[in-house]
Amino acid sequence: MIVINLNVMMAKRKISLNELSLKTGLSPTNLSILKNNKAKAIRFSTLEKICKALDCQPKDILEFKNNK
C-alpha cells in the first residue's frame, strides 16, 4: 500500500493547505484529497510542485507499507 504523508510534511514545514495551494498553484480541494490520503493516483508534475514548495524529496511524501 502506498501512503501519502503530505500532512506530515506540511506539519513539519508549518504550512497550511491554503498557503501550499498558493505556492504550488494546485487547488485546495486536490491538495486536501492528497493530504487525507484519499488519492488513487498522483501526477509526477503535482509531486514535483509539492516537493519544490515544501523543499523535500518524493520519498518524504510517498511511503510504501507492506500489509502483511
N, C-alpha and C. Protein backbone atom coordinates (compact mmCIF):
# COMPACT_ATOMS: atom_id res chain seq x y z
N MET A 1 0.85 -1.18 0.00
CA MET A 1 0.00 0.00 0.00
C MET A 1 0.89 1.24 0.00
N ILE A 2 0.59 2.19 -0.86
CA ILE A 2 1.30 3.46 -0.90
C ILE A 2 0.55 4.47 -0.03
N VAL A 3 1.27 5.09 0.90
CA VAL A 3 0.69 6.08 1.80
C VAL A 3 1.25 7.44 1.43
N ILE A 4 0.39 8.44 1.42
CA ILE A 4 0.80 9.81 1.13
C ILE A 4 0.92 10.56 2.45
N ASN A 5 2.12 10.99 2.75
CA ASN A 5 2.41 11.66 4.02
C ASN A 5 2.46 13.18 3.87
N LEU A 6 1.60 13.73 3.04
CA LEU A 6 1.60 15.18 2.83
C LEU A 6 1.29 15.92 4.13
N ASN A 7 0.37 15.41 4.90
CA ASN A 7 0.00 16.06 6.16
C ASN A 7 1.20 16.15 7.11
N VAL A 8 2.04 15.12 7.13
CA VAL A 8 3.23 15.09 7.98
C VAL A 8 4.21 16.18 7.54
N MET A 9 4.48 16.24 6.23
CA MET A 9 5.42 17.23 5.72
C MET A 9 4.88 18.65 5.90
N MET A 10 3.60 18.84 5.74
CA MET A 10 3.02 20.15 5.95
C MET A 10 3.18 20.58 7.41
N ALA A 11 2.99 19.66 8.33
CA ALA A 11 3.16 19.97 9.76
C ALA A 11 4.63 20.29 10.06
N LYS A 12 5.55 19.52 9.48
CA LYS A 12 6.98 19.78 9.70
C LYS A 12 7.38 21.14 9.18
N ARG A 13 6.81 21.55 8.06
CA ARG A 13 7.15 22.84 7.44
C ARG A 13 6.25 23.98 7.95
N LYS A 14 5.28 23.64 8.80
CA LYS A 14 4.35 24.61 9.38
C LYS A 14 3.69 25.46 8.28
N ILE A 15 3.08 24.75 7.34
CA ILE A 15 2.42 25.40 6.21
C ILE A 15 0.96 24.92 6.14
N SER A 16 0.08 25.84 5.88
CA SER A 16 -1.35 25.50 5.79
C SER A 16 -1.68 25.00 4.38
N LEU A 17 -2.85 24.42 4.26
CA LEU A 17 -3.33 23.94 2.98
C LEU A 17 -3.47 25.09 1.99
N ASN A 18 -4.01 26.21 2.45
CA ASN A 18 -4.19 27.36 1.56
C ASN A 18 -2.85 27.95 1.12
N GLU A 19 -1.89 28.00 2.02
CA GLU A 19 -0.56 28.51 1.67
C GLU A 19 0.12 27.59 0.66
N LEU A 20 0.00 26.28 0.87
CA LEU A 20 0.58 25.33 -0.08
C LEU A 20 -0.10 25.45 -1.44
N SER A 21 -1.39 25.68 -1.43
CA SER A 21 -2.14 25.87 -2.68
C SER A 21 -1.60 27.08 -3.44
N LEU A 22 -1.36 28.16 -2.75
CA LEU A 22 -0.84 29.38 -3.38
C LEU A 22 0.57 29.15 -3.93
N LYS A 23 1.40 28.42 -3.18
CA LYS A 23 2.79 28.17 -3.62
C LYS A 23 2.87 27.23 -4.81
N THR A 24 1.94 26.29 -4.90
CA THR A 24 2.01 25.26 -5.94
C THR A 24 1.12 25.55 -7.14
N GLY A 25 0.08 26.34 -6.93
CA GLY A 25 -0.89 26.55 -8.00
C GLY A 25 -1.90 25.42 -8.10
N LEU A 26 -1.86 24.50 -7.14
CA LEU A 26 -2.81 23.37 -7.10
C LEU A 26 -4.02 23.78 -6.26
N SER A 27 -5.16 23.23 -6.59
CA SER A 27 -6.38 23.61 -5.86
C SER A 27 -6.36 23.05 -4.44
N PRO A 28 -6.94 23.79 -3.50
CA PRO A 28 -7.04 23.28 -2.13
C PRO A 28 -7.78 21.94 -2.07
N THR A 29 -8.77 21.76 -2.94
CA THR A 29 -9.53 20.51 -2.96
C THR A 29 -8.63 19.33 -3.31
N ASN A 30 -7.81 19.48 -4.36
CA ASN A 30 -6.91 18.39 -4.75
C ASN A 30 -5.85 18.14 -3.69
N LEU A 31 -5.33 19.20 -3.09
CA LEU A 31 -4.34 19.02 -2.02
C LEU A 31 -4.96 18.34 -0.81
N SER A 32 -6.21 18.68 -0.52
CA SER A 32 -6.91 18.05 0.61
C SER A 32 -7.07 16.55 0.39
N ILE A 33 -7.38 16.16 -0.83
CA ILE A 33 -7.51 14.73 -1.16
C ILE A 33 -6.18 14.02 -0.91
N LEU A 34 -5.09 14.65 -1.32
CA LEU A 34 -3.77 14.07 -1.08
C LEU A 34 -3.44 14.07 0.42
N LYS A 35 -3.70 15.17 1.07
CA LYS A 35 -3.40 15.31 2.50
C LYS A 35 -4.12 14.26 3.34
N ASN A 36 -5.35 13.96 2.96
CA ASN A 36 -6.15 13.00 3.72
C ASN A 36 -6.00 11.56 3.23
N ASN A 37 -5.00 11.36 2.36
CA ASN A 37 -4.66 10.02 1.86
C ASN A 37 -5.84 9.35 1.15
N LYS A 38 -6.61 10.14 0.40
CA LYS A 38 -7.76 9.62 -0.33
C LYS A 38 -7.50 9.49 -1.83
N ALA A 39 -6.32 9.91 -2.27
CA ALA A 39 -5.99 9.90 -3.70
C ALA A 39 -5.74 8.49 -4.21
N LYS A 40 -6.14 8.25 -5.44
CA LYS A 40 -5.90 6.97 -6.11
C LYS A 40 -4.63 7.03 -6.95
N ALA A 41 -4.22 8.26 -7.31
CA ALA A 41 -3.03 8.44 -8.16
C ALA A 41 -2.51 9.86 -7.93
N ILE A 42 -1.27 10.08 -8.35
CA ILE A 42 -0.68 11.41 -8.29
C ILE A 42 0.21 11.60 -9.52
N ARG A 43 0.09 12.72 -10.17
CA ARG A 43 0.94 13.02 -11.33
C ARG A 43 2.33 13.42 -10.84
N PHE A 44 3.33 13.08 -11.65
CA PHE A 44 4.69 13.49 -11.31
C PHE A 44 4.80 15.01 -11.24
N SER A 45 4.09 15.70 -12.11
CA SER A 45 4.14 17.17 -12.10
C SER A 45 3.58 17.74 -10.79
N THR A 46 2.54 17.10 -10.27
CA THR A 46 1.96 17.51 -8.98
C THR A 46 2.95 17.24 -7.87
N LEU A 47 3.55 16.07 -7.87
CA LEU A 47 4.53 15.71 -6.85
C LEU A 47 5.72 16.67 -6.89
N GLU A 48 6.15 17.03 -8.10
CA GLU A 48 7.27 17.96 -8.26
C GLU A 48 6.93 19.32 -7.65
N LYS A 49 5.74 19.84 -7.92
CA LYS A 49 5.33 21.13 -7.36
C LYS A 49 5.29 21.10 -5.84
N ILE A 50 4.77 20.01 -5.29
CA ILE A 50 4.69 19.87 -3.83
C ILE A 50 6.09 19.80 -3.23
N CYS A 51 6.96 19.01 -3.84
CA CYS A 51 8.33 18.88 -3.33
C CYS A 51 9.08 20.20 -3.39
N LYS A 52 8.89 20.96 -4.45
CA LYS A 52 9.53 22.28 -4.56
C LYS A 52 9.02 23.21 -3.46
N ALA A 53 7.71 23.24 -3.26
CA ALA A 53 7.11 24.13 -2.27
C ALA A 53 7.50 23.76 -0.84
N LEU A 54 7.64 22.47 -0.58
CA LEU A 54 7.97 22.01 0.78
C LEU A 54 9.45 21.74 0.97
N ASP A 55 10.25 21.94 -0.08
CA ASP A 55 11.69 21.69 -0.03
C ASP A 55 11.96 20.28 0.52
N CYS A 56 11.41 19.28 -0.18
CA CYS A 56 11.57 17.90 0.26
C CYS A 56 11.74 16.99 -0.95
N GLN A 57 11.91 15.72 -0.69
CA GLN A 57 12.07 14.71 -1.72
C GLN A 57 10.77 13.90 -1.84
N PRO A 58 10.54 13.27 -2.99
CA PRO A 58 9.33 12.43 -3.13
C PRO A 58 9.20 11.37 -2.03
N LYS A 59 10.32 10.84 -1.57
CA LYS A 59 10.28 9.82 -0.51
C LYS A 59 9.73 10.38 0.80
N ASP A 60 9.79 11.70 0.97
CA ASP A 60 9.22 12.33 2.16
C ASP A 60 7.70 12.39 2.09
N ILE A 61 7.16 12.33 0.87
CA ILE A 61 5.72 12.42 0.66
C ILE A 61 5.09 11.04 0.49
N LEU A 62 5.77 10.16 -0.26
CA LEU A 62 5.24 8.83 -0.56
C LEU A 62 5.96 7.76 0.25
N GLU A 63 5.20 6.80 0.76
CA GLU A 63 5.77 5.71 1.55
C GLU A 63 5.07 4.40 1.20
N PHE A 64 5.85 3.35 1.07
CA PHE A 64 5.28 2.03 0.84
C PHE A 64 5.16 1.30 2.17
N LYS A 65 3.97 0.79 2.46
CA LYS A 65 3.73 -0.01 3.67
C LYS A 65 3.26 -1.38 3.24
N ASN A 66 3.93 -2.39 3.71
CA ASN A 66 3.58 -3.76 3.41
C ASN A 66 2.42 -4.20 4.32
N ASN A 67 1.34 -4.66 3.74
CA ASN A 67 0.15 -5.05 4.50
C ASN A 67 0.12 -6.55 4.79
N LYS A 68 1.15 -7.06 5.39
CA LYS A 68 1.16 -8.49 5.71
C LYS A 68 0.53 -8.76 7.04
